[in-house]
Amino acid sequence: RRNHRRSPPDLETFSGSASQQALVVLVAVKVAGIILVFDPYADQAFDLVKTVFSRATEWMIVGMLAVAVVRHGAAVLGRSWLHVPLLGVVVTTALATATAEAPYIALYGDTSRYLGLTHVLDMASLALAVSVAFRSHADWAKLAWGTTVALLGSVAYAAVQRVGADPFKWAD
């Protein structure tokens, strides 16, 4: 009699797979975007737009993590002692949110600093994506390349501002 159960996905097939490479690209885009995005016409030019961008990429990263787990098995999540303090921060923040005097602020943060539980979950998903997806020097090189391009763009814009040629009339 044949065993008709599916065999567990091969973890080795995850390295170099489309889902692994998509996670690498999403992490690189998220980091670059957090450096680059701003809204010069808003009262708070950085906080809200960076938070919105970060949350949008968070959901894409979480979705791609789910795809990786479905296609390659839960083994892609790995086991590391570093997951323990990360989980501790998430659980502690969640408990603090549940007992907070101002639950809305604990969940989302203040209107000028969006650093509530949702931010902690966003950063935890980013940390998990890095631990899952970054498996080679080439993966880290993609992140370094994206970060370098974003930093050069930021420095170039600062130089434009320094010489008084800023194309934006800032709200604040």
N, C-alpha and C. Protein backbone atom coordinates (compact mmCIF):
# COMPACT_ATOMS: atom_id res chain seq x y z
N ARG A 1 0.85 -1.17 0.00
CA ARG A 1 0.00 0.00 0.00
C ARG A 1 0.89 1.23 0.00
N ARG A 2 0.58 2.15 -0.87
CA ARG A 2 1.38 3.38 -0.98
C ARG A 2 0.89 4.42 0.00
N ASN A 3 1.85 5.18 0.49
CA ASN A 3 1.54 6.29 1.38
C ASN A 3 1.20 7.50 0.51
N HIS A 4 -0.03 7.97 0.62
CA HIS A 4 -0.47 9.09 -0.22
C HIS A 4 -0.29 10.44 0.46
N ARG A 5 0.32 10.43 1.62
CA ARG A 5 0.60 11.71 2.29
C ARG A 5 1.69 12.44 1.54
N ARG A 6 1.54 13.72 1.47
CA ARG A 6 2.59 14.53 0.83
C ARG A 6 3.83 14.51 1.69
N SER A 7 4.95 14.42 1.05
CA SER A 7 6.20 14.50 1.80
C SER A 7 6.46 15.95 2.17
N PRO A 8 7.18 16.18 3.27
CA PRO A 8 7.44 17.57 3.66
C PRO A 8 8.26 18.28 2.60
N PRO A 9 7.96 19.55 2.34
CA PRO A 9 8.72 20.28 1.33
C PRO A 9 10.20 20.32 1.69
N ASP A 10 11.02 20.34 0.70
CA ASP A 10 12.46 20.36 0.89
C ASP A 10 12.90 21.78 1.19
N LEU A 11 13.50 21.97 2.36
CA LEU A 11 13.96 23.30 2.77
C LEU A 11 14.99 23.85 1.80
N GLU A 12 15.79 22.97 1.22
CA GLU A 12 16.82 23.40 0.28
C GLU A 12 16.21 24.07 -0.95
N THR A 13 15.00 23.70 -1.32
CA THR A 13 14.38 24.31 -2.50
C THR A 13 13.97 25.75 -2.24
N PHE A 14 13.91 26.15 -0.97
CA PHE A 14 13.56 27.54 -0.65
C PHE A 14 14.67 28.50 -1.04
N SER A 15 15.91 28.13 -0.81
CA SER A 15 17.04 28.99 -1.18
C SER A 15 17.06 29.16 -2.69
N GLY A 16 16.96 30.40 -3.12
CA GLY A 16 16.95 30.70 -4.54
C GLY A 16 15.58 30.65 -5.17
N SER A 17 14.57 30.26 -4.41
CA SER A 17 13.20 30.19 -4.96
C SER A 17 12.65 31.60 -5.19
N ALA A 18 11.57 31.65 -5.94
CA ALA A 18 10.93 32.93 -6.22
C ALA A 18 10.44 33.59 -4.93
N SER A 19 9.90 32.81 -3.99
CA SER A 19 9.39 33.40 -2.76
C SER A 19 10.54 33.92 -1.88
N GLN A 20 11.66 33.21 -1.86
CA GLN A 20 12.81 33.68 -1.08
C GLN A 20 13.36 34.97 -1.69
N GLN A 21 13.51 35.00 -2.99
CA GLN A 21 14.04 36.20 -3.65
C GLN A 21 13.06 37.37 -3.55
N ALA A 22 11.76 37.08 -3.59
CA ALA A 22 10.76 38.15 -3.42
C ALA A 22 10.86 38.76 -2.03
N LEU A 23 11.09 37.94 -1.02
CA LEU A 23 11.27 38.46 0.34
C LEU A 23 12.50 39.35 0.43
N VAL A 24 13.59 38.94 -0.19
CA VAL A 24 14.81 39.75 -0.19
C VAL A 24 14.53 41.11 -0.83
N VAL A 25 13.86 41.11 -1.96
CA VAL A 25 13.55 42.36 -2.66
C VAL A 25 12.61 43.22 -1.83
N LEU A 26 11.59 42.61 -1.24
CA LEU A 26 10.65 43.38 -0.43
C LEU A 26 11.33 44.04 0.77
N VAL A 27 12.23 43.31 1.42
CA VAL A 27 12.97 43.89 2.54
C VAL A 27 13.83 45.06 2.06
N ALA A 28 14.51 44.89 0.95
CA ALA A 28 15.36 45.96 0.41
C ALA A 28 14.52 47.18 0.02
N VAL A 29 13.37 46.95 -0.59
CA VAL A 29 12.49 48.06 -0.97
C VAL A 29 11.96 48.76 0.27
N LYS A 30 11.61 47.98 1.29
CA LYS A 30 11.11 48.59 2.53
C LYS A 30 12.15 49.49 3.16
N VAL A 31 13.37 49.00 3.29
CA VAL A 31 14.44 49.79 3.92
C VAL A 31 14.72 51.04 3.08
N ALA A 32 14.82 50.88 1.77
CA ALA A 32 15.07 52.04 0.90
C ALA A 32 13.93 53.05 0.98
N GLY A 33 12.71 52.55 0.98
CA GLY A 33 11.55 53.44 1.05
C GLY A 33 11.47 54.21 2.35
N ILE A 34 11.80 53.54 3.44
CA ILE A 34 11.77 54.23 4.74
C ILE A 34 12.80 55.36 4.75
N ILE A 35 13.89 55.19 4.04
CA ILE A 35 14.89 56.25 3.94
C ILE A 35 14.39 57.38 3.05
N LEU A 36 13.75 57.03 1.94
CA LEU A 36 13.46 58.02 0.90
C LEU A 36 12.11 58.72 0.97
N VAL A 37 11.06 58.06 1.42
CA VAL A 37 9.73 58.66 1.29
C VAL A 37 9.52 59.81 2.26
N PHE A 38 8.85 60.82 1.76
CA PHE A 38 8.46 61.97 2.58
C PHE A 38 7.35 62.71 1.85
N ASP A 39 6.65 63.58 2.56
CA ASP A 39 5.58 64.38 1.98
C ASP A 39 5.83 65.83 2.37
N PRO A 40 6.44 66.61 1.49
CA PRO A 40 6.78 67.99 1.85
C PRO A 40 5.57 68.90 2.06
N TYR A 41 4.40 68.45 1.64
CA TYR A 41 3.20 69.29 1.76
C TYR A 41 2.40 68.99 3.03
N ALA A 42 2.85 68.01 3.81
CA ALA A 42 2.15 67.67 5.05
C ALA A 42 2.73 68.44 6.22
N ASP A 43 1.94 68.58 7.27
CA ASP A 43 2.44 69.22 8.48
C ASP A 43 3.57 68.38 9.09
N GLN A 44 3.43 67.07 9.07
CA GLN A 44 4.47 66.14 9.51
C GLN A 44 4.98 65.44 8.24
N ALA A 45 6.08 65.90 7.72
CA ALA A 45 6.56 65.45 6.42
C ALA A 45 7.06 64.01 6.40
N PHE A 46 7.39 63.45 7.54
CA PHE A 46 8.04 62.15 7.54
C PHE A 46 7.22 61.05 8.22
N ASP A 47 6.71 61.30 9.41
CA ASP A 47 6.17 60.22 10.23
C ASP A 47 5.01 59.46 9.57
N LEU A 48 3.98 60.17 9.14
CA LEU A 48 2.81 59.48 8.60
C LEU A 48 3.13 58.77 7.29
N VAL A 49 3.80 59.43 6.37
CA VAL A 49 4.05 58.81 5.07
C VAL A 49 4.99 57.61 5.21
N LYS A 50 5.97 57.69 6.08
CA LYS A 50 6.87 56.55 6.30
C LYS A 50 6.11 55.40 6.95
N THR A 51 5.21 55.71 7.87
CA THR A 51 4.41 54.68 8.52
C THR A 51 3.48 54.00 7.52
N VAL A 52 2.82 54.77 6.68
CA VAL A 52 1.93 54.19 5.68
C VAL A 52 2.72 53.30 4.72
N PHE A 53 3.86 53.78 4.27
CA PHE A 53 4.71 52.98 3.39
C PHE A 53 5.16 51.70 4.09
N SER A 54 5.57 51.82 5.32
CA SER A 54 6.06 50.67 6.07
C SER A 54 4.95 49.64 6.27
N ARG A 55 3.73 50.10 6.58
CA ARG A 55 2.61 49.16 6.77
C ARG A 55 2.25 48.48 5.46
N ALA A 56 2.30 49.20 4.36
CA ALA A 56 2.00 48.58 3.06
C ALA A 56 3.00 47.47 2.74
N THR A 57 4.27 47.74 2.96
CA THR A 57 5.27 46.72 2.69
C THR A 57 5.21 45.60 3.73
N GLU A 58 4.77 45.93 4.95
CA GLU A 58 4.61 44.90 5.98
C GLU A 58 3.64 43.82 5.50
N TRP A 59 2.51 44.24 4.96
CA TRP A 59 1.51 43.26 4.52
C TRP A 59 2.01 42.45 3.34
N MET A 60 2.79 43.06 2.45
CA MET A 60 3.37 42.29 1.35
C MET A 60 4.37 41.27 1.89
N ILE A 61 5.17 41.68 2.86
CA ILE A 61 6.16 40.77 3.46
C ILE A 61 5.46 39.63 4.19
N VAL A 62 4.44 39.93 4.98
CA VAL A 62 3.70 38.89 5.70
C VAL A 62 3.05 37.93 4.70
N GLY A 63 2.50 38.47 3.64
CA GLY A 63 1.91 37.61 2.60
C GLY A 63 2.94 36.70 1.96
N MET A 64 4.12 37.24 1.67
CA MET A 64 5.16 36.42 1.06
C MET A 64 5.72 35.40 2.05
N LEU A 65 5.79 35.76 3.34
CA LEU A 65 6.17 34.77 4.35
C LEU A 65 5.17 33.62 4.37
N ALA A 66 3.89 33.95 4.28
CA ALA A 66 2.85 32.90 4.26
C ALA A 66 3.01 32.02 3.02
N VAL A 67 3.29 32.62 1.88
CA VAL A 67 3.52 31.84 0.65
C VAL A 67 4.71 30.91 0.85
N ALA A 68 5.79 31.42 1.44
CA ALA A 68 6.98 30.60 1.66
C ALA A 68 6.67 29.42 2.57
N VAL A 69 5.91 29.65 3.63
CA VAL A 69 5.56 28.56 4.54
C VAL A 69 4.68 27.54 3.84
N VAL A 70 3.70 27.99 3.05
CA VAL A 70 2.82 27.05 2.35
C VAL A 70 3.61 26.23 1.32
N ARG A 71 4.48 26.89 0.58
CA ARG A 71 5.22 26.19 -0.48
C ARG A 71 6.37 25.33 0.04
N HIS A 72 7.03 25.77 1.09
CA HIS A 72 8.27 25.11 1.51
C HIS A 72 8.22 24.56 2.93
N GLY A 73 7.14 24.77 3.63
CA GLY A 73 7.00 24.24 4.98
C GLY A 73 7.46 25.22 6.05
N ALA A 74 7.02 24.96 7.27
CA ALA A 74 7.33 25.85 8.40
C ALA A 74 8.81 25.86 8.73
N ALA A 75 9.56 24.91 8.21
CA ALA A 75 11.01 24.87 8.47
C ALA A 75 11.72 26.11 7.95
N VAL A 76 11.12 26.82 6.99
CA VAL A 76 11.77 28.03 6.48
C VAL A 76 11.87 29.10 7.55
N LEU A 77 11.00 29.04 8.55
CA LEU A 77 11.03 30.04 9.62
C LEU A 77 12.25 29.87 10.50
N GLY A 78 12.81 28.68 10.51
CA GLY A 78 14.03 28.45 11.27
C GLY A 78 13.80 28.50 12.77
N ARG A 79 14.85 28.16 13.47
CA ARG A 79 14.83 28.20 14.93
C ARG A 79 16.10 28.93 15.37
N SER A 80 15.90 30.01 16.08
CA SER A 80 17.02 30.79 16.57
C SER A 80 16.68 31.30 17.96
N TRP A 81 17.68 31.35 18.81
CA TRP A 81 17.46 31.93 20.14
C TRP A 81 17.08 33.40 20.03
N LEU A 82 17.40 34.06 18.90
CA LEU A 82 17.05 35.47 18.73
C LEU A 82 15.55 35.68 18.58
N HIS A 83 14.82 34.63 18.20
CA HIS A 83 13.37 34.75 18.11
C HIS A 83 12.73 34.90 19.49
N VAL A 84 13.40 34.41 20.52
CA VAL A 84 12.85 34.46 21.88
C VAL A 84 12.73 35.92 22.37
N PRO A 85 13.81 36.72 22.32
CA PRO A 85 13.63 38.12 22.76
C PRO A 85 12.69 38.90 21.85
N LEU A 86 12.69 38.58 20.56
CA LEU A 86 11.76 39.26 19.64
C LEU A 86 10.33 38.96 20.05
N LEU A 87 10.04 37.70 20.31
CA LEU A 87 8.70 37.32 20.77
C LEU A 87 8.39 37.98 22.12
N GLY A 88 9.40 38.08 22.99
CA GLY A 88 9.21 38.75 24.27
C GLY A 88 8.80 40.20 24.12
N VAL A 89 9.42 40.90 23.20
CA VAL A 89 9.06 42.30 22.96
C VAL A 89 7.63 42.40 22.45
N VAL A 90 7.27 41.52 21.51
CA VAL A 90 5.91 41.55 20.95
C VAL A 90 4.88 41.25 22.02
N VAL A 91 5.11 40.20 22.81
CA VAL A 91 4.16 39.82 23.86
C VAL A 91 4.06 40.91 24.93
N THR A 92 5.18 41.44 25.35
CA THR A 92 5.18 42.51 26.37
C THR A 92 4.44 43.74 25.86
N THR A 93 4.68 44.11 24.63
CA THR A 93 3.99 45.27 24.05
C THR A 93 2.49 45.00 23.92
N ALA A 94 2.13 43.79 23.53
CA ALA A 94 0.72 43.44 23.42
C ALA A 94 0.03 43.50 24.79
N LEU A 95 0.69 42.99 25.82
CA LEU A 95 0.13 43.05 27.17
C LEU A 95 0.01 44.49 27.65
N ALA A 96 1.01 45.30 27.35
CA ALA A 96 0.96 46.72 27.73
C ALA A 96 -0.17 47.42 26.99
N THR A 97 -0.37 47.04 25.75
CA THR A 97 -1.46 47.64 24.96
C THR A 97 -2.81 47.26 25.56
N ALA A 98 -2.95 46.01 25.95
CA ALA A 98 -4.22 45.53 26.50
C ALA A 98 -4.58 46.22 27.81
N THR A 99 -3.58 46.68 28.55
CA THR A 99 -3.84 47.30 29.85
C THR A 99 -3.58 48.81 29.84
N ALA A 100 -3.39 49.37 28.68
CA ALA A 100 -3.02 50.79 28.57
C ALA A 100 -4.16 51.72 28.97
N GLU A 101 -3.77 52.86 29.50
CA GLU A 101 -4.75 53.90 29.84
C GLU A 101 -5.38 54.48 28.57
N ALA A 102 -4.58 54.59 27.53
CA ALA A 102 -5.06 55.10 26.24
C ALA A 102 -4.84 54.01 25.19
N PRO A 103 -5.79 53.09 25.04
CA PRO A 103 -5.60 51.94 24.15
C PRO A 103 -5.29 52.32 22.70
N TYR A 104 -5.92 53.37 22.20
CA TYR A 104 -5.67 53.78 20.81
C TYR A 104 -4.21 54.18 20.61
N ILE A 105 -3.69 54.97 21.53
CA ILE A 105 -2.29 55.39 21.43
C ILE A 105 -1.36 54.19 21.61
N ALA A 106 -1.72 53.28 22.52
CA ALA A 106 -0.90 52.09 22.71
C ALA A 106 -0.90 51.22 21.45
N LEU A 107 -2.00 51.18 20.75
CA LEU A 107 -2.10 50.35 19.55
C LEU A 107 -1.42 50.99 18.35
N TYR A 108 -1.67 52.28 18.14
CA TYR A 108 -1.17 52.94 16.93
C TYR A 108 -0.07 53.97 17.17
N GLY A 109 0.03 54.48 18.37
CA GLY A 109 0.98 55.53 18.66
C GLY A 109 0.34 56.89 18.57
N ASP A 110 1.09 57.90 18.95
CA ASP A 110 0.63 59.28 18.90
C ASP A 110 0.54 59.75 17.46
N THR A 111 -0.24 60.78 17.20
CA THR A 111 -0.42 61.25 15.82
C THR A 111 0.85 61.81 15.19
N SER A 112 1.83 62.12 16.01
CA SER A 112 3.09 62.60 15.44
C SER A 112 4.18 61.53 15.48
N ARG A 113 3.96 60.46 16.19
CA ARG A 113 4.91 59.34 16.27
C ARG A 113 4.10 58.06 16.30
N TYR A 114 4.12 57.31 15.25
CA TYR A 114 3.31 56.10 15.12
C TYR A 114 4.09 54.89 15.61
N LEU A 115 4.28 54.82 16.93
CA LEU A 115 5.15 53.81 17.51
C LEU A 115 4.43 52.88 18.48
N GLY A 116 3.18 52.53 18.18
CA GLY A 116 2.43 51.64 19.04
C GLY A 116 2.69 50.18 18.71
N LEU A 117 1.78 49.33 19.15
CA LEU A 117 1.89 47.89 18.91
C LEU A 117 1.98 47.58 17.42
N THR A 118 1.25 48.31 16.60
CA THR A 118 1.30 48.03 15.16
C THR A 118 2.71 48.23 14.61
N HIS A 119 3.42 49.21 15.14
CA HIS A 119 4.81 49.42 14.71
C HIS A 119 5.70 48.26 15.17
N VAL A 120 5.50 47.80 16.39
CA VAL A 120 6.28 46.67 16.90
C VAL A 120 6.03 45.43 16.03
N LEU A 121 4.78 45.19 15.66
CA LEU A 121 4.47 44.05 14.79
C LEU A 121 5.09 44.22 13.41
N ASP A 122 5.10 45.45 12.91
CA ASP A 122 5.73 45.75 11.63
C ASP A 122 7.22 45.41 11.67
N MET A 123 7.89 45.86 12.71
CA MET A 123 9.33 45.61 12.82
C MET A 123 9.62 44.13 13.10
N ALA A 124 8.73 43.45 13.82
CA ALA A 124 8.90 42.02 14.07
C ALA A 124 8.77 41.24 12.77
N SER A 125 7.82 41.63 11.92
CA SER A 125 7.68 40.94 10.63
C SER A 125 8.90 41.20 9.75
N LEU A 126 9.47 42.38 9.84
CA LEU A 126 10.69 42.69 9.09
C LEU A 126 11.85 41.82 9.59
N ALA A 127 12.00 41.73 10.90
CA ALA A 127 13.06 40.90 11.48
C ALA A 127 12.89 39.44 11.08
N LEU A 128 11.66 38.95 11.11
CA LEU A 128 11.41 37.56 10.71
C LEU A 128 11.73 37.36 9.23
N ALA A 129 11.34 38.31 8.40
CA ALA A 129 11.64 38.20 6.96
C ALA A 129 13.13 38.16 6.71
N VAL A 130 13.89 38.98 7.43
CA VAL A 130 15.35 38.96 7.27
C VAL A 130 15.91 37.61 7.69
N SER A 131 15.44 37.10 8.83
CA SER A 131 15.98 35.82 9.31
C SER A 131 15.60 34.66 8.39
N VAL A 132 14.48 34.78 7.70
CA VAL A 132 14.04 33.72 6.79
C VAL A 132 14.71 33.84 5.43
N ALA A 133 14.77 35.04 4.88
CA ALA A 133 15.14 35.20 3.47
C ALA A 133 16.62 35.38 3.20
N PHE A 134 17.35 35.98 4.12
CA PHE A 134 18.74 36.31 3.84
C PHE A 134 19.63 35.12 4.15
N ARG A 135 20.00 34.41 3.07
CA ARG A 135 20.70 33.13 3.21
C ARG A 135 22.07 33.13 2.55
N SER A 136 22.41 34.18 1.84
CA SER A 136 23.71 34.19 1.14
C SER A 136 24.27 35.61 1.12
N HIS A 137 25.53 35.69 0.74
CA HIS A 137 26.16 37.01 0.58
C HIS A 137 25.45 37.81 -0.51
N ALA A 138 24.97 37.14 -1.53
CA ALA A 138 24.25 37.82 -2.62
C ALA A 138 22.97 38.47 -2.10
N ASP A 139 22.28 37.82 -1.19
CA ASP A 139 21.06 38.40 -0.61
C ASP A 139 21.40 39.67 0.18
N TRP A 140 22.45 39.60 0.99
CA TRP A 140 22.87 40.78 1.77
C TRP A 140 23.37 41.87 0.84
N ALA A 141 23.98 41.50 -0.28
CA ALA A 141 24.45 42.50 -1.24
C ALA A 141 23.28 43.26 -1.85
N LYS A 142 22.17 42.58 -2.09
CA LYS A 142 20.97 43.26 -2.61
C LYS A 142 20.46 44.29 -1.63
N LEU A 143 20.45 43.93 -0.35
CA LEU A 143 20.03 44.89 0.68
C LEU A 143 21.00 46.06 0.75
N ALA A 144 22.29 45.75 0.71
CA ALA A 144 23.30 46.81 0.76
C ALA A 144 23.18 47.73 -0.46
N TRP A 145 22.95 47.15 -1.62
CA TRP A 145 22.80 47.94 -2.84
C TRP A 145 21.59 48.87 -2.74
N GLY A 146 20.44 48.34 -2.33
CA GLY A 146 19.24 49.16 -2.20
C GLY A 146 19.40 50.26 -1.17
N THR A 147 20.03 49.94 -0.05
CA THR A 147 20.26 50.93 1.00
C THR A 147 21.23 52.00 0.52
N THR A 148 22.26 51.60 -0.19
CA THR A 148 23.24 52.57 -0.71
C THR A 148 22.60 53.52 -1.70
N VAL A 149 21.80 52.99 -2.61
CA VAL A 149 21.11 53.85 -3.58
C VAL A 149 20.19 54.83 -2.86
N ALA A 150 19.45 54.34 -1.85
CA ALA A 150 18.56 55.23 -1.10
C ALA A 150 19.34 56.30 -0.36
N LEU A 151 20.44 55.92 0.26
CA LEU A 151 21.26 56.90 0.98
C LEU A 151 21.86 57.93 0.03
N LEU A 152 22.31 57.49 -1.13
CA LEU A 152 22.84 58.43 -2.13
C LEU A 152 21.75 59.38 -2.60
N GLY A 153 20.54 58.86 -2.77
CA GLY A 153 19.42 59.72 -3.15
C GLY A 153 19.11 60.75 -2.08
N SER A 154 19.18 60.32 -0.82
CA SER A 154 18.94 61.22 0.29
C SER A 154 20.02 62.31 0.37
N VAL A 155 21.27 61.90 0.19
CA VAL A 155 22.38 62.86 0.22
C VAL A 155 22.28 63.83 -0.95
N ALA A 156 21.89 63.32 -2.12
CA ALA A 156 21.74 64.20 -3.30
C ALA A 156 20.64 65.23 -3.06
N TYR A 157 19.53 64.80 -2.46
CA TYR A 157 18.46 65.74 -2.17
C TYR A 157 18.90 66.77 -1.13
N ALA A 158 19.67 66.34 -0.14
CA ALA A 158 20.20 67.28 0.85
C ALA A 158 21.10 68.31 0.18
N ALA A 159 21.90 67.88 -0.80
CA ALA A 159 22.77 68.81 -1.52
C ALA A 159 21.93 69.81 -2.32
N VAL A 160 20.86 69.33 -2.93
CA VAL A 160 19.96 70.23 -3.66
C VAL A 160 19.38 71.27 -2.72
N GLN A 161 18.97 70.84 -1.53
CA GLN A 161 18.45 71.77 -0.54
C GLN A 161 19.52 72.75 -0.08
N ARG A 162 20.73 72.26 0.10
CA ARG A 162 21.84 73.09 0.59
C ARG A 162 22.14 74.25 -0.35
N VAL A 163 22.05 74.00 -1.65
CA VAL A 163 22.34 75.07 -2.63
C VAL A 163 21.10 75.93 -2.91
N GLY A 164 20.00 75.65 -2.19
CA GLY A 164 18.81 76.49 -2.32
C GLY A 164 17.95 76.17 -3.53
N ALA A 165 18.09 74.97 -4.09
CA ALA A 165 17.33 74.61 -5.29
C ALA A 165 16.23 73.59 -5.00
N ASP A 166 15.75 73.55 -3.76
CA ASP A 166 14.71 72.59 -3.39
C ASP A 166 13.47 72.83 -4.26
N PRO A 167 12.99 71.80 -4.97
CA PRO A 167 11.82 71.98 -5.83
C PRO A 167 10.51 72.05 -5.06
N PHE A 168 10.52 71.75 -3.76
CA PHE A 168 9.30 71.72 -2.97
C PHE A 168 9.20 72.93 -2.07
N LYS A 169 7.99 73.46 -1.92
CA LYS A 169 7.70 74.48 -0.93
C LYS A 169 7.13 73.75 0.27
N TRP A 170 7.95 73.57 1.28
CA TRP A 170 7.59 72.76 2.43
C TRP A 170 6.49 73.43 3.25
N ALA A 171 5.58 72.60 3.80
CA ALA A 171 4.48 73.10 4.62
C ALA A 171 4.98 73.63 5.96
N ASP A 172 6.04 73.01 6.49
CA ASP A 172 6.52 73.39 7.82
C ASP A 172 7.95 73.90 7.69
